[in-house]
């Protein structure tokens, strides 16, 4: 069993594609590596889900919600 990450970065997003690639790249480029990025998609209708599901970095965890207004 892998050790739990030291830090969880919570990133709520709704229709964030104009900013999402740069945002994710910035988080993943941090010098501290022992973290997970929890991407919480609040019912996006743009390409947010496709983008986040296509990421291969194991630190990125994608969760989709029906539009509940989290963001």
N, C-alpha and C. Protein backbone atom coordinates (compact mmCIF):
# COMPACT_ATOMS: atom_id res chain seq x y z
N UNK A 1 0.85 -1.18 0.00
CA UNK A 1 0.00 0.00 0.00
C UNK A 1 0.89 1.24 0.00
N UNK A 2 0.62 2.19 -0.87
CA UNK A 2 1.40 3.41 -0.95
C UNK A 2 1.07 4.32 0.22
N UNK A 3 2.07 5.09 0.65
CA UNK A 3 1.85 6.04 1.73
C UNK A 3 0.93 7.16 1.26
N UNK A 4 0.16 7.69 2.18
CA UNK A 4 -0.73 8.80 1.85
C UNK A 4 0.10 10.05 1.56
N UNK A 5 -0.38 10.90 0.65
CA UNK A 5 0.36 12.13 0.38
C UNK A 5 0.34 13.04 1.60
N UNK A 6 1.36 13.86 1.73
CA UNK A 6 1.46 14.78 2.86
C UNK A 6 0.44 15.90 2.76
N UNK A 7 0.08 16.28 1.53
CA UNK A 7 -0.82 17.41 1.31
C UNK A 7 -1.85 17.05 0.25
N UNK A 8 -3.08 17.50 0.44
CA UNK A 8 -4.12 17.41 -0.59
C UNK A 8 -4.44 18.82 -1.04
N UNK A 9 -4.34 19.05 -2.33
CA UNK A 9 -4.69 20.33 -2.93
C UNK A 9 -6.09 20.18 -3.51
N UNK A 10 -7.03 20.95 -3.02
CA UNK A 10 -8.41 20.88 -3.48
C UNK A 10 -8.63 21.95 -4.54
N UNK A 11 -9.08 21.52 -5.73
CA UNK A 11 -9.31 22.43 -6.83
C UNK A 11 -10.74 22.26 -7.35
N UNK A 12 -11.69 23.04 -6.84
CA UNK A 12 -13.03 22.99 -7.41
C UNK A 12 -13.03 23.73 -8.76
N UNK A 13 -13.79 23.20 -9.70
CA UNK A 13 -13.81 23.81 -11.03
C UNK A 13 -15.19 23.63 -11.66
N UNK A 14 -15.62 24.66 -12.38
CA UNK A 14 -16.85 24.59 -13.18
C UNK A 14 -16.57 25.33 -14.48
N UNK A 15 -16.62 24.60 -15.60
CA UNK A 15 -16.35 25.18 -16.92
C UNK A 15 -15.05 25.99 -16.92
N UNK A 16 -13.98 25.36 -16.49
CA UNK A 16 -12.72 26.06 -16.30
C UNK A 16 -11.71 25.94 -17.42
N UNK A 17 -12.09 25.41 -18.57
CA UNK A 17 -11.11 25.14 -19.61
C UNK A 17 -10.25 26.34 -20.04
N UNK A 18 -10.74 27.57 -20.02
CA UNK A 18 -9.84 28.66 -20.39
C UNK A 18 -8.61 28.76 -19.47
N UNK A 19 -8.73 28.28 -18.25
CA UNK A 19 -7.67 28.44 -17.25
C UNK A 19 -7.10 27.12 -16.75
N UNK A 20 -7.79 26.05 -16.98
CA UNK A 20 -7.46 24.76 -16.38
C UNK A 20 -6.07 24.22 -16.74
N UNK A 21 -5.67 24.20 -18.00
CA UNK A 21 -4.34 23.66 -18.31
C UNK A 21 -3.20 24.40 -17.59
N UNK A 22 -3.25 25.71 -17.55
CA UNK A 22 -2.21 26.47 -16.86
C UNK A 22 -2.27 26.25 -15.35
N UNK A 23 -3.47 26.15 -14.81
CA UNK A 23 -3.63 25.95 -13.37
C UNK A 23 -3.07 24.60 -12.95
N UNK A 24 -3.45 23.55 -13.65
CA UNK A 24 -2.97 22.21 -13.32
C UNK A 24 -1.45 22.13 -13.49
N UNK A 25 -0.94 22.69 -14.58
CA UNK A 25 0.51 22.67 -14.81
C UNK A 25 1.25 23.38 -13.69
N UNK A 26 0.71 24.47 -13.21
CA UNK A 26 1.34 25.21 -12.12
C UNK A 26 1.40 24.39 -10.84
N UNK A 27 0.31 23.73 -10.51
CA UNK A 27 0.28 22.90 -9.30
C UNK A 27 1.25 21.73 -9.43
N UNK A 28 1.25 21.06 -10.56
CA UNK A 28 2.10 19.90 -10.75
C UNK A 28 3.59 20.25 -10.83
N UNK A 29 3.91 21.50 -11.14
CA UNK A 29 5.30 21.93 -11.26
C UNK A 29 5.94 22.33 -9.93
N UNK A 30 5.21 22.26 -8.85
CA UNK A 30 5.77 22.64 -7.55
C UNK A 30 6.97 21.77 -7.21
N UNK A 31 7.92 22.34 -6.51
CA UNK A 31 9.11 21.57 -6.12
C UNK A 31 8.78 20.51 -5.07
N UNK A 32 7.81 20.77 -4.22
CA UNK A 32 7.34 19.77 -3.26
C UNK A 32 6.48 18.77 -4.03
N UNK A 33 6.80 17.50 -3.97
CA UNK A 33 6.15 16.50 -4.82
C UNK A 33 5.16 15.59 -4.11
N UNK A 34 5.16 15.58 -2.78
CA UNK A 34 4.35 14.62 -2.03
C UNK A 34 2.94 15.18 -1.77
N UNK A 35 2.17 15.32 -2.84
CA UNK A 35 0.80 15.83 -2.72
C UNK A 35 -0.10 15.12 -3.71
N UNK A 36 -1.40 15.29 -3.49
CA UNK A 36 -2.40 14.87 -4.46
C UNK A 36 -3.21 16.10 -4.84
N UNK A 37 -3.63 16.16 -6.08
CA UNK A 37 -4.48 17.23 -6.58
C UNK A 37 -5.87 16.66 -6.75
N UNK A 38 -6.80 17.09 -5.92
CA UNK A 38 -8.19 16.63 -6.00
C UNK A 38 -8.97 17.63 -6.84
N UNK A 39 -9.26 17.26 -8.06
CA UNK A 39 -10.01 18.11 -8.98
C UNK A 39 -11.49 17.76 -8.86
N UNK A 40 -12.27 18.69 -8.32
CA UNK A 40 -13.70 18.49 -8.10
C UNK A 40 -14.46 19.26 -9.18
N UNK A 41 -15.01 18.53 -10.13
CA UNK A 41 -15.73 19.12 -11.26
C UNK A 41 -17.20 19.27 -10.86
N UNK A 42 -17.64 20.51 -10.78
CA UNK A 42 -19.02 20.80 -10.37
C UNK A 42 -19.94 20.89 -11.59
N UNK A 43 -20.07 19.76 -12.29
CA UNK A 43 -21.03 19.67 -13.39
C UNK A 43 -20.67 20.49 -14.60
N UNK A 44 -19.40 20.57 -14.95
CA UNK A 44 -18.98 21.35 -16.12
C UNK A 44 -19.64 20.84 -17.39
N UNK A 45 -19.90 21.77 -18.31
CA UNK A 45 -20.48 21.42 -19.60
C UNK A 45 -19.50 21.68 -20.75
N UNK A 46 -18.30 22.14 -20.42
CA UNK A 46 -17.28 22.32 -21.44
C UNK A 46 -16.36 21.09 -21.44
N UNK A 47 -15.15 21.21 -21.89
CA UNK A 47 -14.22 20.08 -22.00
C UNK A 47 -13.45 19.80 -20.71
N UNK A 48 -13.87 20.36 -19.59
CA UNK A 48 -13.18 20.17 -18.32
C UNK A 48 -13.02 18.69 -17.98
N UNK A 49 -14.09 17.93 -18.04
CA UNK A 49 -14.04 16.51 -17.68
C UNK A 49 -13.07 15.75 -18.58
N UNK A 50 -13.15 15.97 -19.88
CA UNK A 50 -12.26 15.28 -20.81
C UNK A 50 -10.80 15.60 -20.51
N UNK A 51 -10.51 16.86 -20.25
CA UNK A 51 -9.14 17.27 -19.96
C UNK A 51 -8.62 16.59 -18.69
N UNK A 52 -9.40 16.67 -17.62
CA UNK A 52 -8.94 16.13 -16.34
C UNK A 52 -8.82 14.60 -16.39
N UNK A 53 -9.73 13.94 -17.07
CA UNK A 53 -9.65 12.47 -17.17
C UNK A 53 -8.48 12.02 -18.03
N UNK A 54 -8.01 12.87 -18.91
CA UNK A 54 -6.90 12.51 -19.79
C UNK A 54 -5.53 12.68 -19.13
N UNK A 55 -5.49 13.35 -17.99
CA UNK A 55 -4.20 13.55 -17.31
C UNK A 55 -3.67 12.22 -16.81
N UNK A 56 -2.38 12.02 -16.97
CA UNK A 56 -1.77 10.74 -16.59
C UNK A 56 -0.96 10.81 -15.31
N UNK A 57 -0.80 12.00 -14.75
CA UNK A 57 -0.05 12.12 -13.50
C UNK A 57 -0.85 11.45 -12.39
N UNK A 58 -0.27 10.48 -11.69
CA UNK A 58 -1.03 9.75 -10.67
C UNK A 58 -1.42 10.60 -9.46
N UNK A 59 -0.86 11.78 -9.35
CA UNK A 59 -1.23 12.66 -8.23
C UNK A 59 -2.57 13.34 -8.45
N UNK A 60 -3.06 13.34 -9.68
CA UNK A 60 -4.33 14.00 -10.01
C UNK A 60 -5.47 13.01 -9.81
N UNK A 61 -6.42 13.38 -8.97
CA UNK A 61 -7.61 12.57 -8.73
C UNK A 61 -8.82 13.39 -9.19
N UNK A 62 -9.59 12.83 -10.11
CA UNK A 62 -10.75 13.53 -10.68
C UNK A 62 -12.03 13.02 -10.04
N UNK A 63 -12.88 13.94 -9.63
CA UNK A 63 -14.20 13.61 -9.08
C UNK A 63 -15.23 14.53 -9.73
N UNK A 64 -16.31 13.94 -10.20
CA UNK A 64 -17.37 14.75 -10.83
C UNK A 64 -18.61 14.75 -9.95
N UNK A 65 -19.19 15.93 -9.82
CA UNK A 65 -20.45 16.11 -9.12
C UNK A 65 -21.49 16.60 -10.12
N UNK A 66 -22.74 16.32 -9.84
CA UNK A 66 -23.79 17.02 -10.58
C UNK A 66 -23.73 18.46 -10.10
N UNK A 67 -24.19 19.38 -10.88
CA UNK A 67 -24.09 20.80 -10.52
C UNK A 67 -24.75 21.04 -9.17
N UNK A 68 -23.91 21.23 -8.16
CA UNK A 68 -24.42 21.49 -6.81
C UNK A 68 -24.02 22.86 -6.30
N UNK A 69 -23.25 23.60 -7.09
CA UNK A 69 -22.87 24.95 -6.69
C UNK A 69 -21.66 25.01 -5.79
N UNK A 70 -20.86 23.95 -5.78
CA UNK A 70 -19.66 23.95 -4.96
C UNK A 70 -18.75 25.11 -5.31
N UNK A 71 -18.59 25.37 -6.60
CA UNK A 71 -17.68 26.42 -7.03
C UNK A 71 -18.33 27.77 -6.80
